[in-house]
Amino acid sequence: MKALRGSAAKLSLSLLLFWASYSIYYTITRRAVEEGLGEGSYLLGVLMSGAEEAPLAASIVLGYLADRLGYRLPLALGLFEAGLVAAMAFTPLETYPILAGAASLVYALSYSALMGLVLGESGGSGFRYSVIAAFGSLGWALGGLAGGAAYSRLGSLGLLVAAALMAASYLVALSASPPRGGAAPSVGETITALKGVLPLFASLSTSWAALGFFFGAASIRLSEALESPIAYGLVLTTVPALLGFLARPAAGRLVDKAGAVAVLALSNAAYSLLALVFGLPTSPALLALAWSLPLYPFRDAAAAIAVSSRLERRLQATAAGLLSASESVGGAATLALALLLDGGFREMMTASIALMLLSTLLLAADHSTAPRREPCPRRRQGPAL
């Protein structure tokens, strides 16, 4: 992996810190829910996943405003997100979805700016994007280990560690942000550009709904299978993220070679098989092995480049916002459908597989003749990788 310098290095560090913080948050909250509620934890786990994803619809507006006005204010607002995570350390489990939703709303107003910087630095290359994003995978891995250890020693107070790292992440990103905003296209021009990615947006939203069911319920099942909090943290986040860190460059090269849409279709199929494995009676070791497969780096790189390559250089934070908004729509669908189901684990895995199939069918509507921009140069404020 090539050395990172300048803005690319700062953005890599920012992603490492952010995803370490979120991994600690994710490990602690899921473990606390499973231990505190027992059988009722499945529904609350899915409700939390939906609450975390649903507010992200605001990210399209923020992404455009960041392109128009600059990234510094949205990044500064990320400190409030860290404060909400810290507040969860002192509240009952039943309030977790509310606070998680509020924190996610702030995330929608700040993470688009951070990812706009990353996409601009990547210049439309799946490989360059993946090299920077690999440090997010590394942060997720380290956070999984730290999250299990923090929960064993501190319980829910370990969320204070997550909040501190999250605040540091946004401060580092602020140091990499240019002082002024760019000259983004008009609102009308931007809406016209966004219409060209509607089939892709629909597919990504549907696959996020599928992942909401899978991650929300399968993470709880994994907690049941692995009794040790440290073992749970290792398997939930650390092992798959370390493998993901190693797989990121290969994922980027595959996207550049095979095409982003093709890699998205393959990742949908892989996640469907994973849901099938979790839905069958099997051993804890097999569940741990299946969960650890580094599938997400391939999906993430494919989605980022597929959207980024459809929008011009001046709309890269808008592209990042659209990616987050697809999570929002998917999260809302997860929340609505979960309330209609009886909360059974196999029903949730079946829903995940069905939604992945629908996502792949929607990809077929994303014709190869869709307009794409040429890869743009990385932003001038940062040196090359």
Protein backbone atom coordinates (compact mmCIF):
# COMPACT_ATOMS: atom_id res chain seq x y z
CA MET A 1 0.00 0.00 0.00
CA LYS A 2 1.49 3.32 -1.04
CA ALA A 3 2.43 5.88 1.55
CA LEU A 4 -0.12 8.57 2.31
CA ARG A 5 0.84 12.21 2.53
CA GLY A 6 -0.75 15.56 3.21
CA SER A 7 -4.54 15.71 3.06
CA ALA A 8 -4.81 12.02 2.13
CA ALA A 9 -2.96 11.10 5.34
CA LYS A 10 -5.19 13.35 7.45
CA LEU A 11 -8.34 11.92 5.91
CA SER A 12 -7.06 8.39 6.50
CA LEU A 13 -6.43 9.24 10.16
CA SER A 14 -9.86 10.83 10.45
CA LEU A 15 -11.54 7.70 9.09
CA LEU A 16 -9.45 5.49 11.39
CA LEU A 17 -10.54 7.49 14.45
CA PHE A 18 -14.17 7.74 13.40
CA TRP A 19 -14.67 4.07 12.67
CA ALA A 20 -12.77 3.06 15.80
CA SER A 21 -15.25 5.18 17.75
CA TYR A 22 -18.26 3.75 15.93
CA SER A 23 -17.00 0.20 16.36
CA ILE A 24 -16.72 0.72 20.12
CA TYR A 25 -20.22 2.24 20.12
CA TYR A 26 -21.63 -0.63 18.07
CA THR A 27 -20.03 -3.37 20.15
CA ILE A 28 -21.06 -1.88 23.49
CA THR A 29 -24.63 -1.00 22.58
CA ARG A 30 -25.38 -4.39 21.02
CA ARG A 31 -23.84 -6.27 23.92
CA ALA A 32 -25.74 -4.15 26.44
CA VAL A 33 -29.03 -4.76 24.62
CA GLU A 34 -28.49 -8.52 24.41
CA GLU A 35 -27.54 -8.84 28.08
CA GLY A 36 -30.22 -6.48 29.32
CA LEU A 37 -33.25 -7.68 27.35
CA GLY A 38 -32.60 -11.32 26.43
CA GLU A 39 -35.22 -12.58 23.94
CA GLY A 40 -36.57 -9.06 23.46
CA SER A 41 -33.18 -7.92 22.20
CA TYR A 42 -33.82 -8.98 18.57
CA LEU A 43 -36.53 -6.38 18.02
CA LEU A 44 -34.65 -3.61 19.82
CA GLY A 45 -31.52 -4.46 17.82
CA VAL A 46 -33.40 -4.07 14.55
CA LEU A 47 -35.13 -0.91 15.82
CA MET A 48 -31.73 0.55 16.64
CA SER A 49 -30.44 -0.27 13.16
CA GLY A 50 -33.47 1.43 11.64
CA ALA A 51 -33.15 4.46 13.92
CA GLU A 52 -29.46 4.79 13.05
CA GLU A 53 -30.14 4.74 9.30
CA ALA A 54 -33.48 6.56 8.91
CA PRO A 55 -32.31 10.15 9.67
CA LEU A 56 -29.68 10.08 6.92
CA ALA A 57 -32.12 11.50 4.36
CA ALA A 58 -30.85 14.93 5.44
CA SER A 59 -27.42 14.08 4.06
CA ILE A 60 -28.32 14.96 0.45
CA VAL A 61 -29.17 18.52 1.48
CA LEU A 62 -26.05 18.77 3.61
CA GLY A 63 -23.88 17.32 0.88
CA TYR A 64 -25.06 19.98 -1.53
CA LEU A 65 -24.63 22.74 1.06
CA ALA A 66 -21.12 21.48 1.79
CA ASP A 67 -20.29 21.59 -1.92
CA ARG A 68 -21.79 25.07 -2.09
CA LEU A 69 -20.56 26.64 1.13
CA GLY A 70 -17.64 24.55 2.35
CA TYR A 71 -17.14 21.63 4.71
CA ARG A 72 -15.92 23.24 7.90
CA LEU A 73 -19.24 23.98 9.65
CA PRO A 74 -20.74 20.53 8.93
CA LEU A 75 -17.57 18.91 10.26
CA ALA A 76 -17.69 21.04 13.40
CA LEU A 77 -21.26 19.88 14.03
CA GLY A 78 -19.88 16.36 14.36
CA LEU A 79 -18.80 17.29 17.90
CA PHE A 80 -22.48 17.32 18.86
CA GLU A 81 -22.81 13.78 17.53
CA ALA A 82 -20.00 12.76 19.90
CA GLY A 83 -21.89 14.40 22.76
CA LEU A 84 -25.01 12.33 22.06
CA VAL A 85 -22.97 9.11 22.07
CA ALA A 86 -21.54 10.13 25.44
CA ALA A 87 -25.08 10.72 26.77
CA MET A 88 -26.03 7.10 25.98
CA ALA A 89 -23.60 5.95 28.67
CA PHE A 90 -26.04 7.24 31.30
CA THR A 91 -29.46 6.35 29.86
CA PRO A 92 -31.74 3.25 29.97
CA LEU A 93 -31.61 0.73 27.14
CA GLU A 94 -35.11 1.65 25.99
CA THR A 95 -33.89 5.16 25.08
CA TYR A 96 -31.09 3.87 22.87
CA PRO A 97 -33.06 4.06 19.58
CA ILE A 98 -34.04 7.69 20.31
CA LEU A 99 -30.51 8.85 21.10
CA ALA A 100 -29.05 6.74 18.29
CA GLY A 101 -31.47 8.40 15.86
CA ALA A 102 -30.54 11.87 17.09
CA ALA A 103 -26.81 11.12 16.75
CA SER A 104 -27.43 9.74 13.27
CA LEU A 105 -29.16 12.97 12.26
CA VAL A 106 -26.02 14.92 13.17
CA TYR A 107 -23.94 12.30 11.36
CA ALA A 108 -26.01 13.06 8.28
CA LEU A 109 -24.93 16.70 8.59
CA SER A 110 -21.23 15.99 9.07
CA TYR A 111 -20.13 12.70 7.55
CA SER A 112 -21.17 13.80 4.05
CA ALA A 113 -18.63 16.59 4.33
CA LEU A 114 -15.92 14.17 5.45
CA MET A 115 -16.68 11.74 2.64
CA GLY A 116 -16.90 14.58 0.14
CA LEU A 117 -13.27 15.31 1.00
CA VAL A 118 -12.40 11.62 0.57
CA LEU A 119 -14.16 11.27 -2.81
CA GLY A 120 -12.52 14.46 -4.04
CA GLU A 121 -9.13 13.17 -2.98
CA SER A 122 -9.85 9.84 -4.70
CA GLY A 123 -10.49 11.40 -8.12
CA GLY A 124 -12.91 8.68 -9.28
CA SER A 125 -10.45 5.81 -8.74
CA GLY A 126 -11.70 2.77 -6.84
CA PHE A 127 -8.14 1.93 -5.83
CA ARG A 128 -7.33 5.40 -4.47
CA TYR A 129 -10.63 5.48 -2.62
CA SER A 130 -9.99 2.05 -1.12
CA VAL A 131 -6.48 2.92 0.08
CA ILE A 132 -7.87 5.83 2.12
CA ALA A 133 -10.98 3.92 3.22
CA ALA A 134 -8.82 0.98 4.34
CA PHE A 135 -7.94 2.96 7.45
CA GLY A 136 -11.61 3.10 8.33
CA SER A 137 -11.58 -0.69 8.26
CA LEU A 138 -8.52 -0.68 10.50
CA GLY A 139 -10.28 1.65 12.92
CA TRP A 140 -13.31 -0.63 12.94
CA ALA A 141 -11.01 -3.56 13.77
CA LEU A 142 -9.22 -1.81 16.63
CA GLY A 143 -12.51 -0.48 17.97
CA GLY A 144 -14.00 -3.95 18.10
CA LEU A 145 -11.18 -5.13 20.34
CA ALA A 146 -11.32 -1.99 22.47
CA GLY A 147 -15.12 -2.12 22.66
CA GLY A 148 -15.19 -5.63 24.09
CA ALA A 149 -12.50 -4.78 26.62
CA ALA A 150 -14.14 -1.47 27.55
CA TYR A 151 -17.50 -3.14 28.12
CA SER A 152 -15.94 -5.84 30.27
CA ARG A 153 -14.35 -3.23 32.53
CA LEU A 154 -16.70 -0.24 32.30
CA GLY A 155 -20.03 -1.49 31.01
CA SER A 156 -22.00 1.19 29.16
CA LEU A 157 -19.58 3.87 30.43
CA GLY A 158 -17.23 2.60 27.71
CA LEU A 159 -19.31 4.74 25.34
CA LEU A 160 -17.37 7.75 26.69
CA VAL A 161 -14.27 6.35 24.98
CA ALA A 162 -16.20 6.13 21.71
CA ALA A 163 -17.35 9.74 22.07
CA ALA A 164 -13.81 11.04 22.64
CA LEU A 165 -12.45 9.29 19.55
CA MET A 166 -15.37 10.53 17.45
CA ALA A 167 -14.70 14.13 18.46
CA ALA A 168 -11.02 13.72 17.58
CA SER A 169 -11.95 12.37 14.16
CA TYR A 170 -13.92 15.45 13.19
CA LEU A 171 -11.18 17.75 14.47
CA VAL A 172 -8.62 16.00 12.24
CA ALA A 173 -10.97 16.27 9.25
CA LEU A 174 -11.34 19.98 9.92
CA SER A 175 -7.57 20.37 9.56
CA ALA A 176 -7.78 18.78 6.08
CA SER A 177 -10.73 20.87 4.91
CA PRO A 178 -10.19 23.83 2.58
CA PRO A 179 -11.18 27.16 4.17
CA ARG A 180 -13.74 28.05 1.49
CA GLY A 181 -16.51 26.24 -0.35
CA GLY A 182 -16.56 25.40 -4.03
CA ALA A 183 -18.74 26.70 -6.84
CA ALA A 184 -21.37 23.96 -6.90
CA PRO A 185 -23.98 23.91 -9.69
CA SER A 186 -27.38 25.50 -9.15
CA VAL A 187 -30.15 23.63 -7.36
CA GLY A 188 -31.91 22.94 -10.66
CA GLU A 189 -28.78 21.56 -12.29
CA THR A 190 -28.09 19.40 -9.25
CA ILE A 191 -31.62 17.95 -9.24
CA THR A 192 -31.25 17.12 -12.94
CA ALA A 193 -27.96 15.36 -12.24
CA LEU A 194 -29.47 13.39 -9.36
CA LYS A 195 -32.30 12.13 -11.56
CA GLY A 196 -29.70 10.25 -13.59
CA VAL A 197 -28.81 8.06 -10.61
CA LEU A 198 -32.34 7.14 -9.48
CA PRO A 199 -32.18 3.42 -10.48
CA LEU A 200 -28.82 3.07 -8.74
CA PHE A 201 -30.16 4.91 -5.68
CA ALA A 202 -33.18 2.59 -5.54
CA SER A 203 -30.94 -0.48 -5.68
CA LEU A 204 -28.59 0.79 -2.98
CA SER A 205 -31.53 1.72 -0.72
CA THR A 206 -33.05 -1.74 -1.10
CA SER A 207 -29.77 -3.48 -0.30
CA TRP A 208 -29.37 -1.28 2.80
CA ALA A 209 -32.82 -2.42 3.93
CA ALA A 210 -31.60 -5.99 3.52
CA LEU A 211 -28.43 -5.23 5.49
CA GLY A 212 -30.51 -3.59 8.22
CA PHE A 213 -32.28 -6.89 8.83
CA PHE A 214 -29.07 -8.88 8.58
CA PHE A 215 -26.80 -6.74 10.75
CA GLY A 216 -29.50 -5.94 13.30
CA ALA A 217 -30.55 -9.54 13.96
CA ALA A 218 -27.39 -11.50 13.08
CA SER A 219 -25.25 -9.38 15.43
CA ILE A 220 -27.55 -10.36 18.31
CA ARG A 221 -27.44 -14.03 17.33
CA LEU A 222 -23.66 -13.84 17.26
CA SER A 223 -23.71 -12.36 20.78
CA GLU A 224 -25.80 -15.34 21.95
CA ALA A 225 -23.38 -17.81 20.36
CA LEU A 226 -20.23 -16.20 21.82
CA GLU A 227 -20.42 -15.91 25.60
CA SER A 228 -17.27 -13.86 26.16
CA PRO A 229 -17.62 -10.09 25.57
CA ILE A 230 -14.04 -9.92 24.32
CA ALA A 231 -14.58 -12.82 21.91
CA TYR A 232 -17.77 -11.15 20.72
CA GLY A 233 -15.99 -7.86 20.08
CA LEU A 234 -13.20 -9.64 18.23
CA VAL A 235 -15.56 -11.55 15.95
CA LEU A 236 -18.14 -8.79 15.53
CA THR A 237 -15.73 -6.13 14.40
CA THR A 238 -12.00 -6.78 14.80
CA VAL A 239 -11.43 -9.90 12.70
CA PRO A 240 -13.66 -8.96 9.73
CA ALA A 241 -12.30 -5.41 9.78
CA LEU A 242 -8.67 -6.53 9.78
CA LEU A 243 -9.45 -8.80 6.85
CA GLY A 244 -11.30 -5.89 5.27
CA PHE A 245 -8.26 -3.65 5.76
CA LEU A 246 -6.20 -6.15 3.79
CA ALA A 247 -8.93 -6.63 1.17
CA ARG A 248 -9.58 -2.93 0.50
CA PRO A 249 -6.92 -2.40 -2.21
CA ALA A 250 -8.03 -5.57 -4.01
CA ALA A 251 -11.64 -4.40 -3.80
CA GLY A 252 -10.71 -1.08 -5.38
CA ARG A 253 -8.78 -2.74 -8.20
CA LEU A 254 -11.71 -5.08 -8.87
CA VAL A 255 -14.08 -2.12 -9.09
CA ASP A 256 -11.74 -0.34 -11.52
CA LYS A 257 -11.39 -3.48 -13.64
CA ALA A 258 -14.84 -5.15 -13.56
CA GLY A 259 -17.02 -2.10 -13.00
CA ALA A 260 -18.82 -0.85 -9.92
CA VAL A 261 -22.29 -2.18 -10.86
CA ALA A 262 -20.98 -5.71 -11.45
CA VAL A 263 -19.25 -5.73 -8.06
CA LEU A 264 -22.45 -4.49 -6.41
CA ALA A 265 -24.40 -7.41 -7.90
CA LEU A 266 -21.78 -9.88 -6.66
CA SER A 267 -21.86 -8.41 -3.16
CA ASN A 268 -25.66 -8.73 -3.06
CA ALA A 269 -25.35 -12.44 -3.87
CA ALA A 270 -22.65 -12.92 -1.23
CA TYR A 271 -24.71 -11.27 1.52
CA SER A 272 -27.71 -13.42 0.57
CA LEU A 273 -25.63 -16.55 1.11
CA LEU A 274 -24.44 -15.17 4.43
CA ALA A 275 -28.02 -14.61 5.60
CA LEU A 276 -28.86 -18.17 4.57
CA VAL A 277 -26.00 -19.53 6.69
CA PHE A 278 -27.15 -17.55 9.73
CA GLY A 279 -30.72 -18.76 9.24
CA LEU A 280 -29.73 -22.41 9.49
CA PRO A 281 -28.85 -24.32 12.69
CA THR A 282 -25.07 -24.23 12.87
CA SER A 283 -22.13 -24.02 15.26
CA PRO A 284 -20.74 -20.82 16.84
CA ALA A 285 -17.47 -21.41 14.98
CA LEU A 286 -19.21 -21.43 11.59
CA LEU A 287 -21.20 -18.32 12.49
CA ALA A 288 -17.98 -16.55 13.49
CA LEU A 289 -16.29 -17.63 10.26
CA ALA A 290 -19.21 -16.50 8.10
CA TRP A 291 -19.47 -13.12 9.85
CA SER A 292 -15.71 -12.53 9.42
CA LEU A 293 -15.75 -12.69 5.61
CA PRO A 294 -14.59 -9.28 4.26
CA LEU A 295 -17.57 -8.59 1.99
CA TYR A 296 -18.25 -4.99 2.95
CA PRO A 297 -15.09 -3.42 1.39
CA PHE A 298 -16.22 -4.64 -2.03
CA ARG A 299 -19.75 -3.31 -1.62
CA ASP A 300 -18.54 0.00 -0.19
CA ALA A 301 -15.98 0.71 -2.91
CA ALA A 302 -18.44 -0.27 -5.65
CA ALA A 303 -21.23 1.93 -4.26
CA ALA A 304 -18.93 4.92 -3.72
CA ILE A 305 -17.43 4.84 -7.20
CA ALA A 306 -20.74 4.02 -8.90
CA VAL A 307 -22.32 7.17 -7.45
CA SER A 308 -19.23 9.38 -7.57
CA SER A 309 -18.64 8.59 -11.25
CA ARG A 310 -22.16 9.73 -12.16
CA LEU A 311 -21.78 13.21 -10.66
CA GLU A 312 -19.33 15.94 -11.59
CA ARG A 313 -16.32 17.05 -9.57
CA ARG A 314 -18.21 19.94 -7.95
CA LEU A 315 -20.82 17.58 -6.48
CA GLN A 316 -18.72 15.05 -4.61
CA ALA A 317 -20.11 15.89 -1.17
CA THR A 318 -23.55 15.61 -2.77
CA ALA A 319 -22.49 12.16 -4.00
CA ALA A 320 -21.46 11.26 -0.46
CA GLY A 321 -24.79 12.56 0.78
CA LEU A 322 -26.65 10.44 -1.73
CA LEU A 323 -24.81 7.36 -0.47
CA SER A 324 -25.86 8.19 3.08
CA ALA A 325 -29.41 8.91 1.96
CA SER A 326 -29.63 5.44 0.46
CA GLU A 327 -28.89 4.16 3.96
CA SER A 328 -31.68 6.38 5.26
CA VAL A 329 -34.30 5.05 2.88
CA GLY A 330 -33.12 1.50 3.52
CA GLY A 331 -33.20 2.09 7.27
CA ALA A 332 -36.74 3.44 7.09
CA ALA A 333 -37.81 0.37 5.10
CA THR A 334 -36.14 -1.89 7.68
CA LEU A 335 -37.95 -0.12 10.49
CA ALA A 336 -41.35 -0.32 8.78
CA LEU A 337 -41.01 -3.94 7.73
CA ALA A 338 -39.64 -5.01 11.13
CA LEU A 339 -42.77 -3.71 12.81
CA LEU A 340 -44.87 -5.86 10.47
CA LEU A 341 -42.93 -9.06 11.19
CA ASP A 342 -43.33 -11.09 14.37
CA GLY A 343 -39.70 -10.53 15.34
CA GLY A 344 -38.57 -14.08 14.54
CA PHE A 345 -34.95 -14.52 13.51
CA ARG A 346 -35.58 -16.69 10.45
CA GLU A 347 -38.22 -14.26 9.17
CA MET A 348 -35.66 -11.47 9.36
CA MET A 349 -33.08 -13.49 7.44
CA THR A 350 -35.70 -14.35 4.80
CA ALA A 351 -36.58 -10.68 4.46
CA SER A 352 -32.89 -9.85 4.02
CA ILE A 353 -32.47 -12.38 1.19
CA ALA A 354 -35.64 -11.23 -0.59
CA LEU A 355 -34.57 -7.59 -0.44
CA MET A 356 -31.10 -8.41 -1.80
CA LEU A 357 -32.74 -10.13 -4.76
CA LEU A 358 -34.90 -7.06 -5.40
CA SER A 359 -31.81 -4.84 -5.20
CA THR A 360 -30.10 -6.92 -7.88
CA LEU A 361 -33.16 -6.68 -10.13
CA LEU A 362 -33.11 -2.90 -9.73
CA LEU A 363 -29.45 -2.88 -10.76
CA ALA A 364 -30.56 -4.40 -14.06
CA ALA A 365 -32.62 -1.23 -14.64
CA ASP A 366 -29.44 0.81 -14.24
CA HIS A 367 -28.54 0.58 -17.93
CA SER A 368 -24.94 0.54 -19.04
CA THR A 369 -25.74 3.59 -21.19
CA ALA A 370 -26.26 5.75 -18.09
CA PRO A 371 -24.19 8.95 -18.36
CA ARG A 372 -20.90 8.94 -16.49
CA ARG A 373 -18.31 11.64 -16.02
CA GLU A 374 -14.64 11.09 -16.68
CA PRO A 375 -12.52 10.46 -13.58
CA CYS A 376 -11.69 13.81 -12.05
CA PRO A 377 -8.30 14.89 -10.70
CA ARG A 378 -7.92 14.83 -6.96
CA ARG A 379 -8.54 18.15 -5.29
CA ARG A 380 -5.52 20.44 -5.48
CA GLN A 381 -5.34 21.11 -1.75
CA GLY A 382 -3.88 17.64 -1.14
CA PRO A 383 -0.89 15.84 -2.68
CA ALA A 384 -1.18 12.53 -4.46
CA LEU A 385 -1.10 9.20 -2.70
